[in-house]
Amino acid sequence: PFVRTEGKLSSPRWSPDGQWIGWLGATAVDDPFAGSLYLAPVRGGGQVSCETCPPAPDRANLTTGYQGTATAFMWQPGAPATAVFVAAERQMTPIYRIGVNDARRHRLGSPLLVVSGAPTFSADGTRMALVANTPSHPNEVYVDNGPASIPPSAPRRLTTLNPQLDGIALGTQEVIVWNARDGMSIEGVLVRPVGFRVGQRYPLIVQPHGGPEAADPNGWNGTYSRWGQMLAGAGFMTLYPNYRGSIGRGPQFAMADHKDLMGKEFEDMLDGVDHLVASGLVDASRVGIGGGSYGGYTSAWAATYASDRFKAAIPWMGISNWISMTGTSDIFLENSTVHWNLVMYENYDKYWERSPLKYIDRANTPSLIVHGAADPRVPPGQSIELYTALKWKGVPVEYVSYPREGHGVAERAHQLDFMQRVLGWFVKYVR
């Protein structure tokens, strides 16, 4: 092979002069995200020289020690020894320039923008264009003076794609921090209801992200899959918890939930709810939960294992039975290697212990279960199993299956229908 690697890989790119290959990769086989920037020389097979890189026979990690996660990478045009990467860094998405020879990071752009995807550059590398959003506005196109600008210039917005938002009241949002019961500091994004009043307690919806190797930034929460602003208009608070297992705080934090799915990571979310209750913001008797993929698994777990804490749940394309999931998902090897660190066929008891269906005897949370009929990642059978069990138990439950949809909801008519159902369910059972 050209270079030895471990774990996940992403975005291999030649340097402009053809002397280097850079890529995003995992730090180990069980690192859940290809979030470190690696570099290898094309000729000679020698070791890359940089001040902060550990000895390696054929590669160097330019982001060793960085307590964030690289999410996109490209080379700077006109500067053959300079790479640029976008990062998840707690609730922000900074852009960095980094040199091949010294691995020092220089921040570009504005820390207030949440970057979507990767920026692009002018041919000479002096201008940078990007798509980004803010807590009060969805994605727009921005341009700034690019990597040549140190200190960075403030990006200038070029588009106004949603002018109608200027007349719509939105909920304010902020980054909050709380201590988990074991003392670990956990962060998240809180969206307050429109017209928020100090001293009043509000209903809360917890919307855990998927992955779990993902993170919720402090950006726009008004899409079909991010319900914060829709719920804010109906009088709800929404919490996006970046529980342990999330990216944006280095590889060790992202691996902190391994072998313990729905253990401490779920406690992190409950502790976030308790923090908001203790702060006088939330009514503990009016808390709901909903999310997709791993967030759907979390919601199914909440509706069964911790049913006494939640008035309503929306498990969307979520896992209910790890045993049947392992035999039918298109990523069962990833789940076994990266998250469980255990092979299901040798650990049936552990997989069943962390399956929501095991705790169906506890379930009394009204649940709206949603799935795409063509989902290969989390097969629809996971939702059907949960629906059947809740129906047998006599719990209020509905199952919505969207035809042609995979792991997500792509068709606009389905998205609108989904949003209306989400809002209606939480209004009926939580507010």
Protein backbone atom coordinates (compact mmCIF):
# COMPACT_ATOMS: atom_id res chain seq x y z
CA PRO A 1 0.00 0.00 0.00
CA PHE A 2 0.99 3.61 -0.48
CA VAL A 3 0.56 4.39 3.20
CA ARG A 4 -0.46 2.46 6.29
CA THR A 5 -3.70 3.62 7.94
CA GLU A 6 -5.99 2.59 10.76
CA GLY A 7 -9.71 3.12 10.94
CA LYS A 8 -11.84 5.43 8.84
CA LEU A 9 -10.53 7.53 5.94
CA SER A 10 -11.93 10.52 4.08
CA SER A 11 -11.03 13.19 1.50
CA PRO A 12 -7.60 12.15 0.14
CA ARG A 13 -6.14 15.04 -1.87
CA TRP A 14 -2.93 15.68 -3.79
CA SER A 15 -1.03 18.85 -2.98
CA PRO A 16 -0.89 21.37 -5.87
CA ASP A 17 2.74 20.48 -6.59
CA GLY A 18 2.11 16.73 -6.44
CA GLN A 19 4.61 16.19 -3.62
CA TRP A 20 2.17 15.29 -0.86
CA ILE A 21 -1.06 13.48 -0.19
CA GLY A 22 -3.26 14.70 2.63
CA TRP A 23 -6.36 13.07 4.01
CA LEU A 24 -8.70 12.99 6.98
CA GLY A 25 -8.42 9.86 9.05
CA ALA A 26 -9.17 8.25 12.38
CA THR A 27 -6.51 7.98 15.07
CA ALA A 28 -7.30 4.30 15.73
CA VAL A 29 -9.50 1.48 14.48
CA ASP A 30 -12.17 2.35 17.06
CA ASP A 31 -11.98 6.12 16.58
CA PRO A 32 -15.51 6.83 15.28
CA PHE A 33 -14.69 9.80 13.05
CA ALA A 34 -12.09 10.51 10.36
CA GLY A 35 -11.28 13.79 12.07
CA SER A 36 -7.49 14.14 12.08
CA LEU A 37 -5.46 15.67 9.24
CA TYR A 38 -2.75 13.32 7.97
CA LEU A 39 0.04 13.93 5.50
CA ALA A 40 2.45 11.68 3.63
CA PRO A 41 5.16 12.39 1.03
CA VAL A 42 4.47 10.96 -2.40
CA ARG A 43 8.09 10.01 -3.11
CA GLY A 44 10.72 8.36 -1.00
CA GLY A 45 8.48 6.85 1.67
CA GLY A 46 10.25 9.01 4.22
CA GLN A 47 8.95 10.55 7.38
CA VAL A 48 7.24 13.92 7.31
CA SER A 49 9.10 16.51 9.34
CA CYS A 50 7.07 18.77 11.59
CA GLU A 51 7.59 20.03 15.11
CA THR A 52 4.45 18.55 16.66
CA CYS A 53 4.16 15.28 14.73
CA PRO A 54 5.00 11.98 16.45
CA PRO A 55 7.46 9.59 14.79
CA ALA A 56 5.78 7.54 12.08
CA PRO A 57 7.28 5.57 9.19
CA ASP A 58 5.04 6.88 6.46
CA ARG A 59 2.61 9.50 7.70
CA ALA A 60 2.16 12.33 10.17
CA ASN A 61 -0.91 13.63 11.98
CA LEU A 62 -0.78 17.41 11.62
CA THR A 63 -3.54 17.81 14.20
CA THR A 64 -2.02 15.73 17.02
CA GLY A 65 -3.19 17.12 20.34
CA TYR A 66 -5.90 19.28 18.78
CA GLN A 67 -9.06 19.12 20.91
CA GLY A 68 -11.41 19.49 17.98
CA THR A 69 -12.36 17.48 14.90
CA ALA A 70 -11.43 18.17 11.28
CA THR A 71 -14.51 17.74 9.08
CA ALA A 72 -13.34 18.94 5.64
CA PHE A 73 -9.92 19.46 4.08
CA MET A 74 -8.41 21.05 0.98
CA TRP A 75 -5.08 22.47 -0.19
CA GLN A 76 -4.63 26.22 -0.57
CA PRO A 77 -4.14 27.09 -4.24
CA GLY A 78 -0.86 28.87 -4.89
CA ALA A 79 0.67 27.58 -1.66
CA PRO A 80 1.79 23.97 -2.20
CA ALA A 81 2.81 23.40 1.42
CA THR A 82 -0.35 24.78 3.04
CA ALA A 83 -3.57 22.94 3.87
CA VAL A 84 -6.90 24.37 4.99
CA PHE A 85 -9.42 22.47 7.08
CA VAL A 86 -12.86 23.06 8.56
CA ALA A 87 -13.34 21.84 12.11
CA ALA A 88 -15.99 21.04 14.64
CA GLU A 89 -14.71 22.73 17.78
CA ARG A 90 -17.23 22.41 20.58
CA GLN A 91 -20.23 24.36 19.24
CA MET A 92 -18.24 26.27 16.59
CA THR A 93 -16.94 25.42 13.11
CA PRO A 94 -13.69 27.34 12.61
CA ILE A 95 -11.56 27.22 9.48
CA TYR A 96 -7.80 26.80 9.89
CA ARG A 97 -4.76 27.16 7.68
CA ILE A 98 -1.93 24.80 8.60
CA GLY A 99 1.59 24.50 7.20
CA VAL A 100 3.18 21.22 6.16
CA ASN A 101 6.47 21.98 7.89
CA ASP A 102 5.39 23.48 11.20
CA ALA A 103 1.77 22.29 11.72
CA ARG A 104 0.83 25.62 13.31
CA ARG A 105 -2.83 26.50 12.96
CA HIS A 106 -3.96 29.96 11.82
CA ARG A 107 -7.65 30.71 12.12
CA LEU A 108 -9.54 32.08 9.11
CA GLY A 109 -12.96 33.65 8.72
CA SER A 110 -15.46 34.53 11.44
CA PRO A 111 -15.99 32.41 14.58
CA LEU A 112 -19.67 33.43 14.54
CA LEU A 113 -20.49 31.56 11.33
CA VAL A 114 -21.37 27.86 11.22
CA VAL A 115 -19.75 26.54 8.04
CA SER A 116 -21.57 23.99 5.88
CA GLY A 117 -19.28 21.70 3.90
CA ALA A 118 -15.96 22.94 2.59
CA PRO A 119 -14.96 26.42 1.36
CA THR A 120 -13.67 27.01 -2.15
CA PHE A 121 -10.87 29.30 -3.28
CA SER A 122 -9.96 31.55 -6.15
CA ALA A 123 -7.30 30.17 -8.48
CA ASP A 124 -4.55 32.17 -6.78
CA GLY A 125 -5.73 31.23 -3.28
CA THR A 126 -6.29 34.82 -2.13
CA ARG A 127 -10.12 34.71 -1.86
CA MET A 128 -12.29 32.20 -0.06
CA ALA A 129 -16.01 31.53 -0.58
CA LEU A 130 -18.11 29.52 1.83
CA VAL A 131 -21.67 28.56 2.71
CA ALA A 132 -22.53 29.28 6.33
CA ASN A 133 -25.37 29.99 8.73
CA THR A 134 -25.97 31.69 12.08
CA PRO A 135 -28.45 31.10 14.92
CA SER A 136 -30.77 33.66 13.34
CA HIS A 137 -30.35 32.86 9.64
CA PRO A 138 -30.02 29.76 7.42
CA ASN A 139 -27.25 29.11 4.92
CA GLU A 140 -26.03 31.95 2.72
CA VAL A 141 -22.96 32.43 0.52
CA TYR A 142 -20.09 34.43 2.03
CA VAL A 143 -16.73 35.57 0.71
CA ASP A 144 -13.66 36.84 2.50
CA ASN A 145 -10.05 37.56 1.70
CA GLY A 146 -9.04 33.97 2.27
CA PRO A 147 -5.90 32.44 3.70
CA ALA A 148 -3.78 35.41 2.70
CA SER A 149 -5.62 37.56 5.23
CA ILE A 150 -3.96 37.31 8.66
CA PRO A 151 -5.64 38.38 10.86
CA PRO A 152 -8.73 37.15 9.00
CA SER A 153 -11.18 39.59 7.51
CA ALA A 154 -14.87 39.40 8.35
CA PRO A 155 -16.64 37.40 5.62
CA ARG A 156 -19.06 39.41 3.50
CA ARG A 157 -22.48 37.92 2.77
CA LEU A 158 -23.29 37.78 -0.95
CA THR A 159 -26.79 36.31 -0.95
CA THR A 160 -30.17 36.90 0.70
CA LEU A 161 -32.05 33.70 -0.02
CA ASN A 162 -34.70 33.99 2.68
CA PRO A 163 -35.65 37.68 3.04
CA GLN A 164 -39.01 36.70 4.55
CA LEU A 165 -37.23 35.78 7.79
CA ASP A 166 -36.67 39.47 8.53
CA GLY A 167 -40.29 39.71 9.63
CA ILE A 168 -40.46 36.52 11.70
CA ALA A 169 -39.81 36.40 15.45
CA LEU A 170 -37.29 33.71 16.36
CA GLY A 171 -36.26 32.12 19.61
CA THR A 172 -32.90 33.19 20.98
CA GLN A 173 -30.29 30.50 21.49
CA GLU A 174 -27.09 30.07 23.44
CA VAL A 175 -24.42 27.57 24.40
CA ILE A 176 -24.94 26.16 27.88
CA VAL A 177 -22.67 24.06 30.09
CA TRP A 178 -23.54 21.62 32.87
CA ASN A 179 -21.77 19.01 34.95
CA ALA A 180 -22.63 15.36 34.48
CA ARG A 181 -23.10 13.26 37.59
CA ASP A 182 -19.52 11.97 37.31
CA GLY A 183 -18.17 15.53 37.11
CA MET A 184 -17.51 15.70 33.36
CA SER A 185 -18.37 19.06 31.78
CA ILE A 186 -21.00 18.67 29.05
CA GLU A 187 -22.12 21.34 26.60
CA GLY A 188 -25.08 21.91 24.36
CA VAL A 189 -27.21 24.48 22.56
CA LEU A 190 -30.41 25.80 24.10
CA VAL A 191 -33.13 27.44 21.99
CA ARG A 192 -35.52 29.57 24.07
CA PRO A 193 -39.16 30.07 23.12
CA VAL A 194 -40.28 33.19 21.30
CA GLY A 195 -41.34 35.76 23.88
CA PHE A 196 -39.32 34.12 26.65
CA ARG A 197 -40.02 35.56 30.11
CA VAL A 198 -37.67 35.33 33.07
CA GLY A 199 -39.22 33.43 35.96
CA GLN A 200 -41.54 31.31 33.83
CA ARG A 201 -40.97 27.57 33.44
CA TYR A 202 -41.37 26.14 29.93
CA PRO A 203 -41.92 22.74 28.35
CA LEU A 204 -38.68 21.25 27.02
CA ILE A 205 -37.90 19.06 24.03
CA VAL A 206 -34.54 17.29 24.00
CA GLN A 207 -33.29 16.67 20.45
CA PRO A 208 -30.18 14.46 20.60
CA HIS A 209 -28.05 14.33 17.47
CA GLY A 210 -27.32 11.22 15.45
CA GLY A 211 -24.03 9.49 14.92
CA PRO A 212 -23.19 9.46 17.75
CA GLU A 213 -20.06 10.80 16.04
CA ALA A 214 -21.58 14.22 15.33
CA ALA A 215 -22.18 17.48 17.18
CA ASP A 216 -24.78 20.23 17.19
CA PRO A 217 -23.22 23.65 16.50
CA ASN A 218 -24.62 26.98 17.59
CA GLY A 219 -26.16 27.65 14.20
CA TRP A 220 -29.48 27.60 12.36
CA ASN A 221 -32.06 25.28 13.94
CA GLY A 222 -34.96 25.76 11.56
CA THR A 223 -34.85 22.80 9.16
CA TYR A 224 -37.08 19.76 8.81
CA SER A 225 -34.63 17.76 10.92
CA ARG A 226 -33.73 20.50 13.41
CA TRP A 227 -36.90 21.58 15.15
CA GLY A 228 -35.67 24.25 17.57
CA GLN A 229 -37.15 27.32 15.89
CA MET A 230 -40.38 25.59 14.94
CA LEU A 231 -40.83 24.54 18.56
CA ALA A 232 -39.78 27.98 19.85
CA GLY A 233 -42.71 29.50 17.99
CA ALA A 234 -45.03 27.10 19.82
CA GLY A 235 -43.70 27.95 23.28
CA PHE A 236 -41.12 25.19 23.77
CA MET A 237 -37.49 25.23 24.80
CA THR A 238 -35.24 22.86 22.85
CA LEU A 239 -31.97 21.37 24.09
CA TYR A 240 -29.34 20.02 21.71
CA PRO A 241 -26.94 18.10 24.00
CA ASN A 242 -23.41 17.36 22.83
CA TYR A 243 -23.07 14.35 25.08
CA ARG A 244 -19.90 12.26 25.45
CA GLY A 245 -19.39 10.42 22.20
CA SER A 246 -19.84 13.65 20.21
CA ILE A 247 -17.14 15.09 17.98
CA GLY A 248 -15.64 18.54 18.48
CA ARG A 249 -13.66 17.84 21.66
CA GLY A 250 -10.92 15.52 20.41
CA PRO A 251 -10.78 11.76 19.76
CA GLN A 252 -10.87 10.71 23.41
CA PHE A 253 -14.16 12.50 24.06
CA ALA A 254 -15.62 10.97 20.89
CA MET A 255 -14.63 7.51 22.15
CA ALA A 256 -15.86 8.09 25.71
CA ASP A 257 -19.11 6.19 25.14
CA HIS A 258 -17.58 3.02 23.72
CA LYS A 259 -18.87 -0.25 25.21
CA ASP A 260 -21.40 1.86 27.12
CA LEU A 261 -24.10 2.82 24.61
CA MET A 262 -26.98 4.57 26.41
CA GLY A 263 -24.94 4.53 29.60
CA LYS A 264 -23.12 7.70 30.62
CA GLU A 265 -24.02 9.43 27.34
CA PHE A 266 -27.71 9.14 28.21
CA GLU A 267 -27.03 10.28 31.77
CA ASP A 268 -25.38 13.38 30.26
CA MET A 269 -28.70 14.25 28.64
CA LEU A 270 -30.74 13.61 31.77
CA ASP A 271 -28.29 15.75 33.74
CA GLY A 272 -28.78 18.53 31.17
CA VAL A 273 -32.53 18.39 31.73
CA ASP A 274 -32.01 18.45 35.51
CA HIS A 275 -29.72 21.47 35.12
CA LEU A 276 -32.42 23.40 33.27
CA VAL A 277 -35.03 22.43 35.85
CA ALA A 278 -32.74 23.51 38.69
CA SER A 279 -32.11 26.80 36.85
CA GLY A 280 -35.84 27.57 36.91
CA LEU A 281 -36.22 27.43 33.13
CA VAL A 282 -38.01 24.13 32.58
CA ASP A 283 -41.08 22.43 33.99
CA ALA A 284 -39.90 18.91 34.92
CA SER A 285 -43.38 17.52 34.29
CA ARG A 286 -43.36 18.67 30.65
CA VAL A 287 -40.31 17.16 28.95
CA GLY A 288 -40.29 15.38 25.59
CA ILE A 289 -37.58 13.91 23.38
CA GLY A 290 -37.13 13.25 19.67
CA GLY A 291 -34.34 12.68 17.21
CA GLY A 292 -33.10 10.74 14.21
CA SER A 293 -30.81 7.75 13.72
CA TYR A 294 -28.71 7.50 16.90
CA GLY A 295 -30.96 10.27 18.20
CA GLY A 296 -33.87 7.98 17.34
CA TYR A 297 -32.22 5.21 19.33
CA THR A 298 -31.85 7.64 22.23
CA SER A 299 -35.53 8.59 21.94
CA ALA A 300 -36.62 4.94 21.90
CA TRP A 301 -34.44 4.31 24.96
CA ALA A 302 -36.01 7.30 26.70
CA ALA A 303 -39.51 6.06 25.87
CA THR A 304 -38.83 2.66 27.43
CA TYR A 305 -35.90 2.56 29.85
CA ALA A 306 -36.56 6.08 31.22
CA SER A 307 -40.24 6.41 30.40
CA ASP A 308 -41.00 8.07 33.74
CA ARG A 309 -38.94 11.12 32.67
CA PHE A 310 -40.59 11.88 29.32
CA LYS A 311 -44.14 12.88 28.41
CA ALA A 312 -43.69 12.14 24.69
CA ALA A 313 -41.09 10.72 22.33
CA ILE A 314 -40.45 10.74 18.58
CA PRO A 315 -38.04 7.91 17.69
CA TRP A 316 -37.18 8.64 14.06
CA MET A 317 -35.30 5.92 12.15
CA GLY A 318 -34.04 4.69 15.52
CA ILE A 319 -32.71 1.39 16.84
CA SER A 320 -34.93 -0.69 19.10
CA ASN A 321 -33.25 -4.11 19.02
CA TRP A 322 -29.47 -4.33 18.66
CA ILE A 323 -29.58 -8.04 17.89
CA SER A 324 -31.84 -7.77 14.83
CA MET A 325 -30.19 -4.45 13.89
CA THR A 326 -26.78 -6.10 13.73
CA GLY A 327 -27.97 -8.74 11.31
CA THR A 328 -29.71 -6.36 8.91
CA SER A 329 -27.91 -2.98 8.88
CA ASP A 330 -25.42 -2.02 6.17
CA ILE A 331 -22.93 -0.87 8.85
CA PHE A 332 -23.02 -3.69 11.40
CA LEU A 333 -19.21 -4.05 11.24
CA GLU A 334 -18.77 -0.36 12.02
CA ASN A 335 -21.12 -0.56 14.98
CA SER A 336 -19.35 -3.64 16.34
CA THR A 337 -15.81 -2.33 15.79
CA VAL A 338 -16.16 1.38 16.41
CA HIS A 339 -18.89 1.79 19.01
CA TRP A 340 -19.49 -1.47 20.79
CA ASN A 341 -15.90 -2.76 20.61
CA LEU A 342 -17.71 -6.07 20.95
CA VAL A 343 -18.97 -8.55 18.37
CA MET A 344 -22.66 -9.21 18.84
CA TYR A 345 -22.38 -12.92 18.06
CA GLU A 346 -20.17 -13.29 21.14
CA ASN A 347 -22.06 -10.81 23.35
CA TYR A 348 -25.80 -11.28 22.90
CA ASP A 349 -26.58 -10.36 26.51
CA LYS A 350 -24.79 -6.99 26.30
CA TYR A 351 -26.46 -6.06 23.01
CA TRP A 352 -29.88 -6.95 24.40
CA GLU A 353 -29.19 -5.09 27.65
CA ARG A 354 -28.82 -1.84 25.68
CA SER A 355 -31.85 -2.44 23.43
CA PRO A 356 -34.97 -0.34 24.13
CA LEU A 357 -37.21 -3.37 23.56
CA LYS A 358 -35.78 -5.06 26.65
CA TYR A 359 -37.50 -2.41 28.79
CA ILE A 360 -40.91 -2.43 27.15
CA ASP A 361 -42.43 -3.32 30.54
CA ARG A 362 -41.51 0.20 31.73
CA ALA A 363 -42.96 1.99 28.70
CA ASN A 364 -45.82 4.45 29.06
CA THR A 365 -44.53 7.38 26.94
CA PRO A 366 -46.72 8.28 23.93
CA SER A 367 -44.49 7.71 20.91
CA LEU A 368 -44.63 8.86 17.29
CA ILE A 369 -42.38 6.42 15.40
CA VAL A 370 -41.14 7.55 11.98
CA HIS A 371 -39.07 5.72 9.37
CA GLY A 372 -38.15 5.75 5.69
CA ALA A 373 -39.43 2.65 3.92
CA ALA A 374 -36.13 2.17 2.05
CA ASP A 375 -33.67 2.82 4.89
CA PRO A 376 -30.61 0.50 4.61
CA ARG A 377 -28.75 2.00 7.57
CA VAL A 378 -31.36 1.42 10.26
CA PRO A 379 -33.84 -0.93 8.58
CA PRO A 380 -37.54 -0.11 9.04
CA GLY A 381 -38.00 -3.32 10.98
CA GLN A 382 -36.47 -1.54 13.97
CA SER A 383 -39.40 0.85 14.10
CA ILE A 384 -41.95 -1.86 13.36
CA GLU A 385 -40.65 -3.93 16.29
CA LEU A 386 -40.96 -0.96 18.63
CA TYR A 387 -44.42 -0.05 17.33
CA THR A 388 -45.67 -3.61 17.77
CA ALA A 389 -44.37 -3.80 21.34
CA LEU A 390 -45.82 -0.43 22.39
CA LYS A 391 -49.14 -1.27 20.75
CA TRP A 392 -49.22 -4.57 22.67
CA LYS A 393 -48.42 -2.69 25.89
CA GLY A 394 -51.31 -0.28 25.31
CA VAL A 395 -49.10 2.82 25.04
CA PRO A 396 -50.38 5.59 22.71
CA VAL A 397 -48.31 5.07 19.56
CA GLU A 398 -48.38 5.91 15.86
CA TYR A 399 -46.11 4.64 13.09
CA VAL A 400 -45.42 6.72 9.98
CA SER A 401 -43.57 5.15 7.05
CA TYR A 402 -42.48 7.42 4.20
CA PRO A 403 -42.27 5.62 0.83
CA ARG A 404 -39.03 5.84 -1.18
CA GLU A 405 -37.18 7.48 1.72
CA GLY A 406 -33.85 6.15 2.96
CA HIS A 407 -31.95 7.23 6.06
CA GLY A 408 -33.56 10.64 6.26
CA VAL A 409 -36.46 12.43 4.60
CA ALA A 410 -35.61 13.94 1.20
CA GLU A 411 -38.92 14.64 -0.56
CA ARG A 412 -40.31 18.06 0.29
CA ALA A 413 -43.90 16.89 0.75
CA HIS A 414 -42.68 14.29 3.23
CA GLN A 415 -40.60 16.88 5.08
CA LEU A 416 -43.58 19.18 5.52
CA ASP A 417 -45.78 16.33 6.66
CA PHE A 418 -43.09 15.21 9.11
CA MET A 419 -42.70 18.67 10.64
CA GLN A 420 -46.46 19.02 11.13
CA ARG A 421 -46.62 15.63 12.84
CA VAL A 422 -43.67 16.46 15.11
CA LEU A 423 -45.19 19.74 16.23
CA GLY A 424 -48.65 18.22 16.68
CA TRP A 425 -47.34 15.34 18.79
CA PHE A 426 -45.42 17.53 21.19
CA VAL A 427 -48.25 20.06 21.49
CA LYS A 428 -50.71 17.26 22.27
CA TYR A 429 -48.65 15.36 24.83
CA VAL A 430 -46.09 17.80 26.29
CA ARG A 431 -47.27 21.41 26.14
